[in-house]
Amino acid sequence: QELRPKSLDIKQEELGDMVEKEMASTSEAIEDAVRRIEEMMSQARSESSGVKLEVNERILNSCTDLMKAIRLLVMTSTNLQKEIVESGRGAATTQEFYAKNSRWTEGLISASKAVGWGATQLVESADRVVLHTGKYEELIVCSHEIAASTAQLVAASKVKAEKSSRNLSRLQECSRNVNEMAANVVASTKSGQEQIEEKDTMDFSGMSLIKLKKEEMETQVKVLELEKRLEGERVRLGELRKQHYALAGAYDATEDGEVKPAPAPRRGILKKPPLPQKP
């Protein structure tokens, strides 16, 4: 009893209440995230158009699908936890079960918090991306964090569940769905980033005649600089190849500094290869 690890922030008799409160809080955070995404969608449709609207809609739709997958995951996880507690495992009441398995309960609480936190961070990152004040990479990182926290929640639930449990198989299926939806968020984010960057680079519609002429001259300067650099790199590549051949013995340097191929060695009389011997 003394060696058993104890929670540092809450008492063991309060663990059962903490699990239920944390799962309810996670569900509320996901519901709030879905509402915020819907608000961002309507705002994006009213304030943007063209390529930016297309990119924002695709990203927000993938985020909505991810939130729905997480919501189903949390519901299935809650049902599985009830099944685990009702099976007893030697405990008379729910509180006694959570107190007896305090280490497992703390892991379950931590995993649930991680899922809710990841959902909140994803929505905040999506909001900044839509408003063009954030980075696309934030969405990608949040998607990876959600996938990791989902795996943590499934692992915590799987420890005490029966292998033949239907709720466990459903939870694992929900976890795979969450991973798939998170991958869709990453894919839509990367493709949207490429579209926006390409449009910003090639959009000259808002430039004046003087601005266009200035941009044209600066681009010509860059082209000449790159051509000069390319020619220099080609010369450098040729010299590196010559030196490589010289060191490899394929070329010999003459007295005047020129490089010429080394004479090929004479071929000997070809002999018939010996027959392989039996072992």
Foldseek 3Di string as FASTA:
>chain_A
DVPDDADDPDHLLCLLVLLVVLLVVLLVLLVVLLVLLVVLLVVLVVPDDDLLNVLLVQLSVLLNQLSVLVNQLSVLLVVLVVVLVVVPPPPPHSSRVCSVVVVLSVLLSVLSVQLSVLSNQLSVQSSCVSVVNHDLVSNLVSLVSNLVSLVSNLVSSVVRGDPPDPSNVVSVVSSVSSNVSSVSSNVSSVVSVVSVVVCVVPPPPPPDPVRVVVVVVVVVVVVVVVVVVVVVVVVVVVVVVQVVCVVVVQWDADPVGDIDGDDDDDDDDDDDDDDDDDD
